[in-house]
């Protein structure tokens, strides 16, 4: 986070306009993880010391990885996991709800069977995906002169309004999942991005559904 007698920037500021990758996410000290909430929300980090206070930029993309359980084998085809439900709950509970609320995409990546692991990949190339992302980014710039992630509340209401079916689906999700206002706005921004990647002007129910599916831990 930074600090010292004469405050200096830390990793969150060194990752400004870049990616901050945290492996083994739950193994970080809880206090360190909770401090991430400020920069994830505001794009800056404030360091307070007795002598002075300093503010550093910290608008980064957070990418974090964690095991599904303490031993790492929960859901593995070989059935090696012997973690109890309480152990799994305590392990995942190291990531607080308010911090998860600020993570837009929460994806579970299951272990691959041997046949799939050794089979030659057949997905899109990185170059093709990059081209698609660049087109979507230019579409956002032309529409609102900034990326979707930078949209404020009023701008979300203007640029991220879904169609009637999408609005109804999101309303149902709020009731069933108990989504916060922050999660509601983040789902709309993710849905707007999904629509941009598909070259759709309108945010439909399928874009909303996909955005909701990405909030994996809130659906458990």
Protein backbone atom coordinates (compact mmCIF):
# COMPACT_ATOMS: atom_id res chain seq x y z
CA UNK A 1 0.00 0.00 0.00
CA UNK A 2 2.96 2.29 0.53
CA UNK A 3 4.00 4.26 3.56
CA UNK A 4 7.08 5.04 5.60
CA UNK A 5 8.12 8.12 7.56
CA UNK A 6 8.23 10.02 4.30
CA UNK A 7 5.26 8.36 2.52
CA UNK A 8 6.19 6.52 -0.66
CA UNK A 9 3.91 4.77 -3.15
CA UNK A 10 3.37 1.02 -2.85
CA UNK A 11 2.42 -1.73 -5.30
CA UNK A 12 -1.12 -0.41 -5.79
CA UNK A 13 0.29 2.88 -7.09
CA UNK A 14 3.08 1.26 -9.10
CA UNK A 15 0.29 -0.67 -10.86
CA UNK A 16 -1.53 2.59 -11.77
CA UNK A 17 -3.07 2.20 -15.26
CA UNK A 18 -1.85 -1.41 -15.23
CA UNK A 19 -2.64 -4.76 -13.63
CA UNK A 20 -2.15 -5.75 -9.99
CA UNK A 21 -2.09 -9.56 -9.72
CA UNK A 22 -2.48 -11.17 -6.30
CA UNK A 23 -1.98 -14.95 -6.21
CA UNK A 24 -3.31 -17.04 -3.28
CA UNK A 25 -5.72 -14.20 -2.50
CA UNK A 26 -7.01 -15.45 0.89
CA UNK A 27 -3.46 -15.90 2.19
CA UNK A 28 -2.89 -12.13 2.32
CA UNK A 29 -3.41 -10.44 5.67
CA UNK A 30 -7.06 -9.43 6.11
CA UNK A 31 -6.08 -5.84 6.92
CA UNK A 32 -4.11 -5.59 3.66
CA UNK A 33 -7.03 -6.90 1.63
CA UNK A 34 -9.49 -4.50 3.23
CA UNK A 35 -7.29 -1.51 2.35
CA UNK A 36 -7.84 -2.44 -1.31
CA UNK A 37 -11.43 -1.26 -1.02
CA UNK A 38 -10.49 2.42 -1.19
CA UNK A 39 -8.43 2.34 -4.42
CA UNK A 40 -10.87 -0.08 -6.11
CA UNK A 41 -13.63 2.45 -5.48
CA UNK A 42 -11.88 5.78 -5.94
CA UNK A 43 -8.72 5.04 -7.96
CA UNK A 44 -6.44 6.52 -5.31
CA UNK A 45 -4.85 5.53 -1.99
CA UNK A 46 -4.38 7.76 1.05
CA UNK A 47 -1.43 7.16 3.38
CA UNK A 48 -1.73 8.84 6.79
CA UNK A 49 1.19 9.22 9.15
CA UNK A 50 1.64 11.27 12.30
CA UNK A 51 3.68 13.90 10.48
CA UNK A 52 1.79 14.11 7.20
CA UNK A 53 -0.76 12.63 4.84
CA UNK A 54 -0.13 11.74 1.21
CA UNK A 55 -2.43 10.65 -1.61
CA UNK A 56 -1.20 8.54 -4.52
CA UNK A 57 -2.96 7.48 -7.73
CA UNK A 58 -4.01 3.81 -7.76
CA UNK A 59 -6.36 3.14 -10.67
CA UNK A 60 -5.38 -0.44 -11.49
CA UNK A 61 -7.08 -3.57 -12.74
CA UNK A 62 -7.13 -6.13 -9.93
CA UNK A 63 -6.67 -9.77 -10.92
CA UNK A 64 -6.68 -12.26 -8.06
CA UNK A 65 -6.49 -16.05 -7.89
CA UNK A 66 -7.39 -18.46 -5.11
CA UNK A 67 -7.89 -22.18 -4.55
CA UNK A 68 -11.44 -23.49 -4.07
CA UNK A 69 -10.53 -24.81 -0.61
CA UNK A 70 -7.52 -25.04 1.76
CA UNK A 71 -6.10 -28.18 0.08
CA UNK A 72 -6.92 -26.95 -3.44
CA UNK A 73 -8.74 -30.08 -4.64
CA UNK A 74 -12.41 -29.26 -4.03
CA UNK A 75 -14.38 -30.47 -7.07
CA UNK A 76 -11.37 -32.27 -8.59
CA UNK A 77 -12.34 -35.39 -10.60
CA UNK A 78 -10.00 -37.59 -8.55
CA UNK A 79 -11.89 -36.82 -5.33
CA UNK A 80 -8.74 -35.99 -3.36
CA UNK A 81 -10.34 -33.19 -1.32
CA UNK A 82 -11.17 -34.03 2.31
CA UNK A 83 -11.90 -30.47 3.48
CA UNK A 84 -15.03 -30.12 5.59
CA UNK A 85 -17.75 -27.59 4.67
CA UNK A 86 -16.71 -25.50 7.69
CA UNK A 87 -13.08 -25.43 6.54
CA UNK A 88 -14.13 -24.35 3.05
CA UNK A 89 -16.43 -21.65 4.47
CA UNK A 90 -13.70 -20.27 6.75
CA UNK A 91 -11.20 -20.25 3.90
CA UNK A 92 -13.51 -18.36 1.54
CA UNK A 93 -14.63 -16.12 4.41
CA UNK A 94 -11.17 -14.53 4.45
CA UNK A 95 -12.41 -12.47 1.49
CA UNK A 96 -14.99 -10.09 2.92
CA UNK A 97 -18.32 -9.33 1.32
CA UNK A 98 -17.54 -5.62 0.79
CA UNK A 99 -14.33 -6.53 -1.04
CA UNK A 100 -16.07 -9.14 -3.21
CA UNK A 101 -18.71 -6.53 -3.97
CA UNK A 102 -16.01 -4.51 -5.75
CA UNK A 103 -14.83 -7.42 -7.94
CA UNK A 104 -16.88 -7.43 -11.13
CA UNK A 105 -15.94 -10.84 -12.54
CA UNK A 106 -15.78 -13.82 -10.18
CA UNK A 107 -15.02 -16.91 -12.24
CA UNK A 108 -14.61 -20.50 -11.09
CA UNK A 109 -12.09 -22.46 -13.17
CA UNK A 110 -12.56 -26.21 -12.62
CA UNK A 111 -9.73 -28.72 -12.91
CA UNK A 112 -9.44 -30.17 -16.40
CA UNK A 113 -9.70 -33.93 -17.02
CA UNK A 114 -6.57 -35.48 -18.55
CA UNK A 115 -8.09 -35.71 -22.04
CA UNK A 116 -9.00 -32.02 -22.11
CA UNK A 117 -5.65 -30.98 -20.64
CA UNK A 118 -3.65 -32.75 -23.35
CA UNK A 119 -5.96 -31.80 -26.23
CA UNK A 120 -4.77 -29.01 -28.51
CA UNK A 121 -6.53 -25.72 -27.78
CA UNK A 122 -9.11 -24.62 -30.33
CA UNK A 123 -10.26 -21.26 -28.99
CA UNK A 124 -9.80 -17.75 -30.33
CA UNK A 125 -6.29 -16.42 -30.69
CA UNK A 126 -5.12 -13.62 -28.40
CA UNK A 127 -4.72 -11.37 -31.46
CA UNK A 128 -8.37 -11.85 -32.47
CA UNK A 129 -9.58 -11.14 -28.95
CA UNK A 130 -7.37 -8.04 -28.74
CA UNK A 131 -8.86 -6.70 -31.99
CA UNK A 132 -12.38 -7.23 -30.68
CA UNK A 133 -11.56 -5.50 -27.40
CA UNK A 134 -9.99 -2.52 -29.20
CA UNK A 135 -13.11 -2.07 -31.34
CA UNK A 136 -15.32 -2.19 -28.23
CA UNK A 137 -13.07 0.31 -26.46
CA UNK A 138 -13.26 2.74 -29.38
CA UNK A 139 -17.04 2.36 -29.36
CA UNK A 140 -17.10 3.39 -25.68
CA UNK A 141 -14.87 6.39 -26.33
CA UNK A 142 -17.09 7.55 -29.19
CA UNK A 143 -20.25 7.19 -27.09
CA UNK A 144 -19.16 8.68 -23.76
CA UNK A 145 -15.50 9.77 -24.12
CA UNK A 146 -14.36 7.28 -21.45
CA UNK A 147 -14.34 3.55 -20.79
CA UNK A 148 -17.33 1.87 -19.18
CA UNK A 149 -15.47 1.21 -15.94
CA UNK A 150 -15.06 4.97 -15.39
CA UNK A 151 -18.77 5.77 -15.65
CA UNK A 152 -20.35 7.49 -12.65
CA UNK A 153 -23.84 6.83 -11.32
CA UNK A 154 -25.59 9.44 -13.49
CA UNK A 155 -23.66 8.29 -16.57
CA UNK A 156 -24.64 4.68 -15.90
CA UNK A 157 -28.30 5.74 -15.92
CA UNK A 158 -27.72 7.46 -19.26
CA UNK A 159 -25.53 4.95 -21.11
CA UNK A 160 -26.29 1.60 -19.46
CA UNK A 161 -30.07 1.43 -19.45
CA UNK A 162 -31.23 -2.11 -20.39
CA UNK A 163 -34.34 -2.97 -22.37
CA UNK A 164 -37.55 -3.93 -20.56
CA UNK A 165 -36.71 -7.63 -20.29
CA UNK A 166 -33.18 -6.89 -19.10
CA UNK A 167 -34.47 -4.47 -16.46
CA UNK A 168 -36.95 -7.04 -15.20
CA UNK A 169 -34.27 -9.74 -14.99
CA UNK A 170 -31.96 -7.43 -13.05
CA UNK A 171 -34.78 -6.51 -10.68
CA UNK A 172 -35.38 -10.20 -9.96
CA UNK A 173 -31.65 -10.76 -9.36
CA UNK A 174 -31.55 -7.90 -6.83
CA UNK A 175 -34.34 -9.56 -4.85
CA UNK A 176 -33.03 -13.13 -5.03
CA UNK A 177 -29.33 -12.40 -4.49
CA UNK A 178 -29.66 -9.40 -2.21
CA UNK A 179 -27.42 -7.30 -4.45
CA UNK A 180 -26.13 -3.98 -3.15
CA UNK A 181 -26.46 -0.69 -5.02
CA UNK A 182 -22.76 -1.00 -5.90
CA UNK A 183 -23.28 -4.49 -7.36
CA UNK A 184 -26.31 -3.23 -9.31
CA UNK A 185 -24.29 -0.47 -10.98
CA UNK A 186 -21.33 -2.77 -11.64
CA UNK A 187 -23.56 -5.37 -13.29
CA UNK A 188 -24.93 -2.67 -15.59
CA UNK A 189 -21.41 -1.57 -16.59
CA UNK A 190 -20.33 -5.17 -17.25
CA UNK A 191 -23.51 -5.76 -19.29
CA UNK A 192 -22.79 -2.58 -21.28
CA UNK A 193 -19.30 -3.92 -22.03
CA UNK A 194 -20.67 -7.33 -23.07
CA UNK A 195 -23.06 -5.56 -25.44
CA UNK A 196 -20.20 -3.45 -26.84
CA UNK A 197 -18.11 -6.58 -27.48
CA UNK A 198 -21.10 -8.03 -29.38
CA UNK A 199 -21.60 -4.77 -31.32
CA UNK A 200 -25.06 -4.26 -29.82
CA UNK A 201 -26.39 -0.80 -29.09
CA UNK A 202 -29.06 -2.11 -26.72
CA UNK A 203 -28.39 -3.96 -23.47
CA UNK A 204 -30.67 -6.98 -23.60
CA UNK A 205 -31.64 -9.62 -21.05
CA UNK A 206 -28.90 -11.98 -22.27
CA UNK A 207 -26.26 -9.33 -21.60
CA UNK A 208 -27.69 -8.78 -18.10
CA UNK A 209 -27.84 -12.54 -17.48
CA UNK A 210 -24.21 -13.01 -18.47
CA UNK A 211 -23.09 -10.13 -16.24
CA UNK A 212 -24.99 -11.62 -13.28
CA UNK A 213 -23.44 -15.05 -13.89
CA UNK A 214 -19.98 -13.53 -13.49
CA UNK A 215 -20.70 -12.64 -9.84
CA UNK A 216 -20.08 -16.25 -8.89
CA UNK A 217 -19.65 -16.00 -5.14
CA UNK A 218 -22.77 -13.90 -4.66
CA UNK A 219 -24.81 -16.68 -6.23
CA UNK A 220 -23.60 -19.34 -3.76
